[in-house]
Amino acid sequence: MLVNLAAAYDCVRAFSETDQREDLRSIDVPMLIAQGDDDQIVPIADAALKAIELVQDGTLKVYPGAPHGIHGSYREALHKDVLDFIS
């Protein structure tokens, strides 16, 4: 809500116009991908479900009903999943 609009535009442009597939394929450490399945900004089918197929050692956590900002209402579940992942 407090983001600079020019920075937000640049971020969306970079993510939507940059092919990150080779970068994802080159990651050789365990990776946690967390996304809500009701993300209307970056739909899960266009993001996490594709990314998890490209990383070598990925763990996908899907939060049913969660929107784009999972850290808000889903903070406790996300924190637990991050701690579980790193331990």
PDB file of N, CA and C in Angstrom:
ATOM      1  N   MET A   1       0.826  -1.196   0.000  1.00  0.00           N
ATOM      2  CA  MET A   1       0.000   0.000   0.000  1.00  0.00           C
ATOM      3  C   MET A   1       0.872   1.263   0.000  1.00  0.00           C
ATOM      4  N   LEU A   2       2.099   1.155   0.463  1.00  0.00           N
ATOM      5  CA  LEU A   2       2.955   2.327   0.566  1.00  0.00           C
ATOM      6  C   LEU A   2       4.066   2.333  -0.474  1.00  0.00           C
ATOM      7  N   VAL A   3       3.960   1.467  -1.462  1.00  0.00           N
ATOM      8  CA  VAL A   3       5.014   1.346  -2.456  1.00  0.00           C
ATOM      9  C   VAL A   3       5.036   2.549  -3.398  1.00  0.00           C
ATOM     10  N   ASN A   4       6.208   2.909  -3.835  1.00  0.00           N
ATOM     11  CA  ASN A   4       6.378   3.931  -4.852  1.00  0.00           C
ATOM     12  C   ASN A   4       5.838   3.368  -6.164  1.00  0.00           C
ATOM     13  N   LEU A   5       4.955   4.087  -6.820  1.00  0.00           N
ATOM     14  CA  LEU A   5       4.305   3.557  -8.018  1.00  0.00           C
ATOM     15  C   LEU A   5       5.282   3.276  -9.151  1.00  0.00           C
ATOM     16  N   ALA A   6       6.284   4.120  -9.311  1.00  0.00           N
ATOM     17  CA  ALA A   6       7.275   3.860 -10.364  1.00  0.00           C
ATOM     18  C   ALA A   6       8.046   2.580 -10.069  1.00  0.00           C
ATOM     19  N   ALA A   7       8.385   2.349  -8.806  1.00  0.00           N
ATOM     20  CA  ALA A   7       9.097   1.125  -8.427  1.00  0.00           C
ATOM     21  C   ALA A   7       8.205  -0.100  -8.632  1.00  0.00           C
ATOM     22  N   ALA A   8       6.930   0.015  -8.292  1.00  0.00           N
ATOM     23  CA  ALA A   8       5.991  -1.096  -8.485  1.00  0.00           C
ATOM     24  C   ALA A   8       5.873  -1.431  -9.969  1.00  0.00           C
ATOM     25  N   TYR A   9       5.765  -0.421 -10.799  1.00  0.00           N
ATOM     26  CA  TYR A   9       5.686  -0.633 -12.244  1.00  0.00           C
ATOM     27  C   TYR A   9       6.942  -1.329 -12.760  1.00  0.00           C
ATOM     28  N   ASP A  10       8.110  -0.840 -12.328  1.00  0.00           N
ATOM     29  CA  ASP A  10       9.372  -1.444 -12.765  1.00  0.00           C
ATOM     30  C   ASP A  10       9.475  -2.895 -12.331  1.00  0.00           C
ATOM     31  N   CYS A  11       8.997  -3.198 -11.136  1.00  0.00           N
ATOM     32  CA  CYS A  11       9.025  -4.570 -10.617  1.00  0.00           C
ATOM     33  C   CYS A  11       8.136  -5.478 -11.465  1.00  0.00           C
ATOM     34  N   VAL A  12       6.907  -5.050 -11.706  1.00  0.00           N
ATOM     35  CA  VAL A  12       5.982  -5.846 -12.514  1.00  0.00           C
ATOM     36  C   VAL A  12       6.544  -6.032 -13.916  1.00  0.00           C
ATOM     37  N   ARG A  13       7.105  -4.986 -14.472  1.00  0.00           N
ATOM     38  CA  ARG A  13       7.677  -5.076 -15.811  1.00  0.00           C
ATOM     39  C   ARG A  13       8.825  -6.086 -15.850  1.00  0.00           C
ATOM     40  N   ALA A  14       9.721  -6.008 -14.863  1.00  0.00           N
ATOM     41  CA  ALA A  14      10.867  -6.922 -14.832  1.00  0.00           C
ATOM     42  C   ALA A  14      10.411  -8.371 -14.689  1.00  0.00           C
ATOM     43  N   PHE A  15       9.464  -8.634 -13.804  1.00  0.00           N
ATOM     44  CA  PHE A  15       9.011 -10.004 -13.605  1.00  0.00           C
ATOM     45  C   PHE A  15       8.221 -10.533 -14.793  1.00  0.00           C
ATOM     46  N   SER A  16       7.470  -9.670 -15.447  1.00  0.00           N
ATOM     47  CA  SER A  16       6.634 -10.144 -16.552  1.00  0.00           C
ATOM     48  C   SER A  16       7.389 -10.242 -17.874  1.00  0.00           C
ATOM     49  N   GLU A  17       8.523  -9.542 -17.992  1.00  0.00           N
ATOM     50  CA  GLU A  17       9.243  -9.534 -19.255  1.00  0.00           C
ATOM     51  C   GLU A  17      10.589 -10.252 -19.213  1.00  0.00           C
ATOM     52  N   THR A  18      10.933 -10.830 -18.061  1.00  0.00           N
ATOM     53  CA  THR A  18      12.216 -11.506 -17.920  1.00  0.00           C
ATOM     54  C   THR A  18      12.005 -13.011 -17.871  1.00  0.00           C
ATOM     55  N   ASP A  19      12.708 -13.722 -18.723  1.00  0.00           N
ATOM     56  CA  ASP A  19      12.645 -15.177 -18.725  1.00  0.00           C
ATOM     57  C   ASP A  19      13.587 -15.691 -17.631  1.00  0.00           C
ATOM     58  N   GLN A  20      13.025 -16.222 -16.575  1.00  0.00           N
ATOM     59  CA  GLN A  20      13.806 -16.670 -15.424  1.00  0.00           C
ATOM     60  C   GLN A  20      13.999 -18.191 -15.389  1.00  0.00           C
ATOM     61  N   ARG A  21      13.621 -18.864 -16.443  1.00  0.00           N
ATOM     62  CA  ARG A  21      13.690 -20.326 -16.425  1.00  0.00           C
ATOM     63  C   ARG A  21      15.102 -20.853 -16.232  1.00  0.00           C
ATOM     64  N   GLU A  22      16.088 -20.321 -16.938  1.00  0.00           N
ATOM     65  CA  GLU A  22      17.464 -20.814 -16.782  1.00  0.00           C
ATOM     66  C   GLU A  22      18.003 -20.516 -15.390  1.00  0.00           C
ATOM     67  N   ASP A  23      17.640 -19.370 -14.834  1.00  0.00           N
ATOM     68  CA  ASP A  23      18.056 -19.051 -13.465  1.00  0.00           C
ATOM     69  C   ASP A  23      17.500 -20.076 -12.489  1.00  0.00           C
ATOM     70  N   LEU A  24      16.225 -20.430 -12.635  1.00  0.00           N
ATOM     71  CA  LEU A  24      15.619 -21.425 -11.743  1.00  0.00           C
ATOM     72  C   LEU A  24      16.282 -22.790 -11.909  1.00  0.00           C
ATOM     73  N   ARG A  25      16.564 -23.172 -13.139  1.00  0.00           N
ATOM     74  CA  ARG A  25      17.215 -24.466 -13.380  1.00  0.00           C
ATOM     75  C   ARG A  25      18.614 -24.528 -12.768  1.00  0.00           C
ATOM     76  N   SER A  26      19.274 -23.383 -12.642  1.00  0.00           N
ATOM     77  CA  SER A  26      20.650 -23.369 -12.145  1.00  0.00           C
ATOM     78  C   SER A  26      20.748 -23.366 -10.616  1.00  0.00           C
ATOM     79  N   ILE A  27      19.649 -23.191  -9.922  1.00  0.00           N
ATOM     80  CA  ILE A  27      19.686 -23.194  -8.451  1.00  0.00           C
ATOM     81  C   ILE A  27      19.978 -24.606  -7.975  1.00  0.00           C
ATOM     82  N   ASP A  28      21.049 -24.763  -7.195  1.00  0.00           N
ATOM     83  CA  ASP A  28      21.460 -26.101  -6.768  1.00  0.00           C
ATOM     84  C   ASP A  28      21.429 -26.275  -5.248  1.00  0.00           C
ATOM     85  N   VAL A  29      20.631 -25.489  -4.592  1.00  0.00           N
ATOM     86  CA  VAL A  29      20.411 -25.630  -3.149  1.00  0.00           C
ATOM     87  C   VAL A  29      18.913 -25.814  -2.927  1.00  0.00           C
ATOM     88  N   PRO A  30      18.537 -26.409  -1.800  1.00  0.00           N
ATOM     89  CA  PRO A  30      17.100 -26.570  -1.528  1.00  0.00           C
ATOM     90  C   PRO A  30      16.377 -25.217  -1.551  1.00  0.00           C
ATOM     91  N   MET A  31      15.176 -25.225  -2.105  1.00  0.00           N
ATOM     92  CA  MET A  31      14.412 -23.989  -2.273  1.00  0.00           C
ATOM     93  C   MET A  31      12.973 -24.207  -1.844  1.00  0.00           C
ATOM     94  N   LEU A  32      12.458 -23.275  -1.069  1.00  0.00           N
ATOM     95  CA  LEU A  32      11.051 -23.294  -0.657  1.00  0.00           C
ATOM     96  C   LEU A  32      10.298 -22.295  -1.513  1.00  0.00           C
ATOM     97  N   ILE A  33       9.239 -22.753  -2.133  1.00  0.00           N
ATOM     98  CA  ILE A  33       8.347 -21.878  -2.895  1.00  0.00           C
ATOM     99  C   ILE A  33       7.008 -21.897  -2.172  1.00  0.00           C
ATOM    100  N   ALA A  34       6.534 -20.722  -1.775  1.00  0.00           N
ATOM    101  CA  ALA A  34       5.277 -20.599  -1.037  1.00  0.00           C
ATOM    102  C   ALA A  34       4.349 -19.662  -1.793  1.00  0.00           C
ATOM    103  N   GLN A  35       3.110 -20.103  -2.010  1.00  0.00           N
ATOM    104  CA  GLN A  35       2.162 -19.260  -2.730  1.00  0.00           C
ATOM    105  C   GLN A  35       0.738 -19.638  -2.365  1.00  0.00           C
ATOM    106  N   GLY A  36      -0.102 -18.624  -2.310  1.00  0.00           N
ATOM    107  CA  GLY A  36      -1.524 -18.849  -2.109  1.00  0.00           C
ATOM    108  C   GLY A  36      -2.181 -19.285  -3.400  1.00  0.00           C
ATOM    109  N   ASP A  37      -3.169 -20.166  -3.290  1.00  0.00           N
ATOM    110  CA  ASP A  37      -3.818 -20.647  -4.513  1.00  0.00           C
ATOM    111  C   ASP A  37      -4.912 -19.711  -5.019  1.00  0.00           C
ATOM    112  N   ASP A  38      -5.147 -18.604  -4.302  1.00  0.00           N
ATOM    113  CA  ASP A  38      -6.111 -17.607  -4.760  1.00  0.00           C
ATOM    114  C   ASP A  38      -5.411 -16.290  -5.088  1.00  0.00           C
ATOM    115  N   ASP A  39      -4.147 -16.373  -5.468  1.00  0.00           N
ATOM    116  CA  ASP A  39      -3.373 -15.191  -5.834  1.00  0.00           C
ATOM    117  C   ASP A  39      -3.905 -14.652  -7.157  1.00  0.00           C
ATOM    118  N   GLN A  40      -4.498 -13.476  -7.126  1.00  0.00           N
ATOM    119  CA  GLN A  40      -5.062 -12.869  -8.329  1.00  0.00           C
ATOM    120  C   GLN A  40      -4.049 -11.987  -9.055  1.00  0.00           C
ATOM    121  N   ILE A  41      -2.944 -11.662  -8.394  1.00  0.00           N
ATOM    122  CA  ILE A  41      -1.926 -10.802  -9.003  1.00  0.00           C
ATOM    123  C   ILE A  41      -0.942 -11.631  -9.815  1.00  0.00           C
ATOM    124  N   VAL A  42      -0.479 -12.726  -9.217  1.00  0.00           N
ATOM    125  CA  VAL A  42       0.417 -13.668  -9.889  1.00  0.00           C
ATOM    126  C   VAL A  42      -0.212 -15.051  -9.720  1.00  0.00           C
ATOM    127  N   PRO A  43      -1.058 -15.462 -10.655  1.00  0.00           N
ATOM    128  CA  PRO A  43      -1.752 -16.744 -10.510  1.00  0.00           C
ATOM    129  C   PRO A  43      -0.783 -17.912 -10.304  1.00  0.00           C
ATOM    130  N   ILE A  44      -1.147 -18.811  -9.412  1.00  0.00           N
ATOM    131  CA  ILE A  44      -0.289 -19.929  -9.042  1.00  0.00           C
ATOM    132  C   ILE A  44       0.092 -20.783 -10.257  1.00  0.00           C
ATOM    133  N   ALA A  45      -0.824 -20.936 -11.202  1.00  0.00           N
ATOM    134  CA  ALA A  45      -0.533 -21.743 -12.394  1.00  0.00           C
ATOM    135  C   ALA A  45       0.561 -21.112 -13.251  1.00  0.00           C
ATOM    136  N   ASP A  46       0.713 -19.804 -13.153  1.00  0.00           N
ATOM    137  CA  ASP A  46       1.724 -19.095 -13.937  1.00  0.00           C
ATOM    138  C   ASP A  46       3.011 -18.860 -13.168  1.00  0.00           C
ATOM    139  N   ALA A  47       3.049 -19.255 -11.914  1.00  0.00           N
ATOM    140  CA  ALA A  47       4.222 -18.947 -11.092  1.00  0.00           C
ATOM    141  C   ALA A  47       4.727 -20.200 -10.383  1.00  0.00           C
ATOM    142  N   ALA A  48       4.235 -20.466  -9.203  1.00  0.00           N
ATOM    143  CA  ALA A  48       4.771 -21.539  -8.359  1.00  0.00           C
ATOM    144  C   ALA A  48       4.691 -22.917  -9.016  1.00  0.00           C
ATOM    145  N   LEU A  49       3.587 -23.204  -9.682  1.00  0.00           N
ATOM    146  CA  LEU A  49       3.448 -24.535 -10.289  1.00  0.00           C
ATOM    147  C   LEU A  49       4.432 -24.754 -11.439  1.00  0.00           C
ATOM    148  N   LYS A  50       4.817 -23.686 -12.094  1.00  0.00           N
ATOM    149  CA  LYS A  50       5.838 -23.802 -13.145  1.00  0.00           C
ATOM    150  C   LYS A  50       7.241 -23.794 -12.541  1.00  0.00           C
ATOM    151  N   ALA A  51       7.456 -22.927 -11.553  1.00  0.00           N
ATOM    152  CA  ALA A  51       8.783 -22.807 -10.942  1.00  0.00           C
ATOM    153  C   ALA A  51       9.219 -24.101 -10.269  1.00  0.00           C
ATOM    154  N   ILE A  52       8.305 -24.779  -9.590  1.00  0.00           N
ATOM    155  CA  ILE A  52       8.671 -25.992  -8.847  1.00  0.00           C
ATOM    156  C   ILE A  52       9.132 -27.093  -9.792  1.00  0.00           C
ATOM    157  N   GLU A  53       8.693 -27.051 -11.026  1.00  0.00           N
ATOM    158  CA  GLU A  53       9.121 -28.036 -12.025  1.00  0.00           C
ATOM    159  C   GLU A  53      10.542 -27.768 -12.513  1.00  0.00           C
ATOM    160  N   LEU A  54      11.027 -26.564 -12.323  1.00  0.00           N
ATOM    161  CA  LEU A  54      12.331 -26.181 -12.862  1.00  0.00           C
ATOM    162  C   LEU A  54      13.476 -26.289 -11.858  1.00  0.00           C
ATOM    163  N   VAL A  55      13.183 -26.161 -10.581  1.00  0.00           N
ATOM    164  CA  VAL A  55      14.257 -26.205  -9.587  1.00  0.00           C
ATOM    165  C   VAL A  55      14.617 -27.655  -9.286  1.00  0.00           C
ATOM    166  N   GLN A  56      15.884 -27.876  -8.943  1.00  0.00           N
ATOM    167  CA  GLN A  56      16.379 -29.231  -8.713  1.00  0.00           C
ATOM    168  C   GLN A  56      15.870 -29.839  -7.413  1.00  0.00           C
ATOM    169  N   ASP A  57      15.816 -29.036  -6.359  1.00  0.00           N
ATOM    170  CA  ASP A  57      15.451 -29.546  -5.040  1.00  0.00           C
ATOM    171  C   ASP A  57      14.465 -28.579  -4.396  1.00  0.00           C
ATOM    172  N   GLY A  58      13.256 -28.566  -4.929  1.00  0.00           N
ATOM    173  CA  GLY A  58      12.260 -27.606  -4.467  1.00  0.00           C
ATOM    174  C   GLY A  58      11.178 -28.226  -3.618  1.00  0.00           C
ATOM    175  N   THR A  59      10.681 -27.427  -2.698  1.00  0.00           N
ATOM    176  CA  THR A  59       9.528 -27.782  -1.879  1.00  0.00           C
ATOM    177  C   THR A  59       8.473 -26.720  -2.123  1.00  0.00           C
ATOM    178  N   LEU A  60       7.277 -27.146  -2.498  1.00  0.00           N
ATOM    179  CA  LEU A  60       6.181 -26.221  -2.763  1.00  0.00           C
ATOM    180  C   LEU A  60       5.181 -26.280  -1.621  1.00  0.00           C
ATOM    181  N   LYS A  61       4.885 -25.131  -1.038  1.00  0.00           N
ATOM    182  CA  LYS A  61       3.844 -25.000  -0.024  1.00  0.00           C
ATOM    183  C   LYS A  61       2.744 -24.132  -0.606  1.00  0.00           C
ATOM    184  N   VAL A  62       1.556 -24.695  -0.728  1.00  0.00           N
ATOM    185  CA  VAL A  62       0.403 -23.970  -1.258  1.00  0.00           C
ATOM    186  C   VAL A  62      -0.539 -23.685  -0.101  1.00  0.00           C
ATOM    187  N   TYR A  63      -0.973 -22.438  -0.016  1.00  0.00           N
ATOM    188  CA  TYR A  63      -1.877 -22.015   1.044  1.00  0.00           C
ATOM    189  C   TYR A  63      -3.274 -21.857   0.455  1.00  0.00           C
ATOM    190  N   PRO A  64      -4.168 -22.821   0.752  1.00  0.00           N
ATOM    191  CA  PRO A  64      -5.523 -22.783   0.194  1.00  0.00           C
ATOM    192  C   PRO A  64      -6.255 -21.498   0.591  1.00  0.00           C
ATOM    193  N   GLY A  65      -6.802 -20.840  -0.418  1.00  0.00           N
ATOM    194  CA  GLY A  65      -7.566 -19.621  -0.199  1.00  0.00           C
ATOM    195  C   GLY A  65      -6.734 -18.374   0.006  1.00  0.00           C
ATOM    196  N   ALA A  66      -5.422 -18.512   0.047  1.00  0.00           N
ATOM    197  CA  ALA A  66      -4.561 -17.366   0.323  1.00  0.00           C
ATOM    198  C   ALA A  66      -4.391 -16.480  -0.911  1.00  0.00           C
ATOM    199  N   PRO A  67      -4.359 -15.166  -0.698  1.00  0.00           N
ATOM    200  CA  PRO A  67      -4.149 -14.224  -1.790  1.00  0.00           C
ATOM    201  C   PRO A  67      -2.665 -14.003  -2.045  1.00  0.00           C
ATOM    202  N   HIS A  68      -2.358 -12.967  -2.785  1.00  0.00           N
ATOM    203  CA  HIS A  68      -0.978 -12.633  -3.123  1.00  0.00           C
ATOM    204  C   HIS A  68      -0.139 -12.350  -1.881  1.00  0.00           C
ATOM    205  N   GLY A  69      -0.645 -11.624  -0.944  1.00  0.00           N
ATOM    206  CA  GLY A  69       0.113 -11.251   0.257  1.00  0.00           C
ATOM    207  C   GLY A  69      -0.015 -12.267   1.365  1.00  0.00           C
ATOM    208  N   ILE A  70       0.577 -13.449   1.197  1.00  0.00           N
ATOM    209  CA  ILE A  70       0.393 -14.512   2.198  1.00  0.00           C
ATOM    210  C   ILE A  70       1.010 -14.169   3.536  1.00  0.00           C
ATOM    211  N   HIS A  71       1.953 -13.259   3.560  1.00  0.00           N
ATOM    212  CA  HIS A  71       2.585 -12.943   4.846  1.00  0.00           C
ATOM    213  C   HIS A  71       1.600 -12.251   5.787  1.00  0.00           C
ATOM    214  N   GLY A  72       0.566 -11.642   5.279  1.00  0.00           N
ATOM    215  CA  GLY A  72      -0.422 -10.967   6.117  1.00  0.00           C
ATOM    216  C   GLY A  72      -1.234 -11.953   6.939  1.00  0.00           C
ATOM    217  N   SER A  73      -2.326 -12.412   6.406  1.00  0.00           N
ATOM    218  CA  SER A  73      -3.243 -13.299   7.127  1.00  0.00           C
ATOM    219  C   SER A  73      -2.689 -14.698   7.351  1.00  0.00           C
ATOM    220  N   TYR A  74      -1.716 -15.091   6.588  1.00  0.00           N
ATOM    221  CA  TYR A  74      -1.171 -16.445   6.669  1.00  0.00           C
ATOM    222  C   TYR A  74       0.213 -16.460   7.306  1.00  0.00           C
ATOM    223  N   ARG A  75       0.540 -15.413   8.038  1.00  0.00           N
ATOM    224  CA  ARG A  75       1.879 -15.238   8.613  1.00  0.00           C
ATOM    225  C   ARG A  75       2.304 -16.408   9.484  1.00  0.00           C
ATOM    226  N   GLU A  76       1.446 -16.867  10.385  1.00  0.00           N
ATOM    227  CA  GLU A  76       1.832 -17.957  11.300  1.00  0.00           C
ATOM    228  C   GLU A  76       2.143 -19.235  10.537  1.00  0.00           C
ATOM    229  N   ALA A  77       1.301 -19.585   9.584  1.00  0.00           N
ATOM    230  CA  ALA A  77       1.536 -20.797   8.790  1.00  0.00           C
ATOM    231  C   ALA A  77       2.814 -20.663   7.967  1.00  0.00           C
ATOM    232  N   LEU A  78       3.024 -19.505   7.393  1.00  0.00           N
ATOM    233  CA  LEU A  78       4.229 -19.278   6.593  1.00  0.00           C
ATOM    234  C   LEU A  78       5.482 -19.367   7.461  1.00  0.00           C
ATOM    235  N   HIS A  79       5.455 -18.734   8.628  1.00  0.00           N
ATOM    236  CA  HIS A  79       6.617 -18.799   9.521  1.00  0.00           C
ATOM    237  C   HIS A  79       6.915 -20.240   9.936  1.00  0.00           C
ATOM    238  N   LYS A  80       5.879 -20.998  10.254  1.00  0.00           N
ATOM    239  CA  LYS A  80       6.068 -22.405  10.631  1.00  0.00           C
ATOM    240  C   LYS A  80       6.679 -23.184   9.470  1.00  0.00           C
ATOM    241  N   ASP A  81       6.166 -22.973   8.264  1.00  0.00           N
ATOM    242  CA  ASP A  81       6.681 -23.700   7.114  1.00  0.00           C
ATOM    243  C   ASP A  81       8.124 -23.329   6.796  1.00  0.00           C
ATOM    244  N   VAL A  82       8.480 -22.066   6.955  1.00  0.00           N
ATOM    245  CA  VAL A  82       9.876 -21.651   6.734  1.00  0.00           C
ATOM    246  C   VAL A  82      10.786 -22.288   7.761  1.00  0.00           C
ATOM    247  N   LEU A  83      10.371 -22.251   9.023  1.00  0.00           N
ATOM    248  CA  LEU A  83      11.193 -22.879  10.070  1.00  0.00           C
ATOM    249  C   LEU A  83      11.329 -24.381   9.866  1.00  0.00           C
ATOM    250  N   ASP A  84      10.239 -25.048   9.488  1.00  0.00           N
ATOM    251  CA  ASP A  84      10.304 -26.483   9.189  1.00  0.00           C
ATOM    252  C   ASP A  84      11.266 -26.749   8.040  1.00  0.00           C
ATOM    253  N   PHE A  85      11.207 -25.892   7.022  1.00  0.00           N
ATOM    254  CA  PHE A  85      12.054 -26.081   5.843  1.00  0.00           C
ATOM    255  C   PHE A  85      13.532 -25.945   6.168  1.00  0.00           C
ATOM    256  N   ILE A  86      13.875 -24.979   6.998  1.00  0.00           N
ATOM    257  CA  ILE A  86      15.304 -24.746   7.266  1.00  0.00           C
ATOM    258  C   ILE A  86      15.864 -25.645   8.356  1.00  0.00           C
ATOM    259  N   SER A  87      14.991 -26.351   9.053  1.00  0.00           N
ATOM    260  CA  SER A  87      15.530 -27.231  10.117  1.00  0.00           C
ATOM    261  C   SER A  87      15.740 -28.646   9.655  1.00  0.00           C
TER     262      SER A  87
END
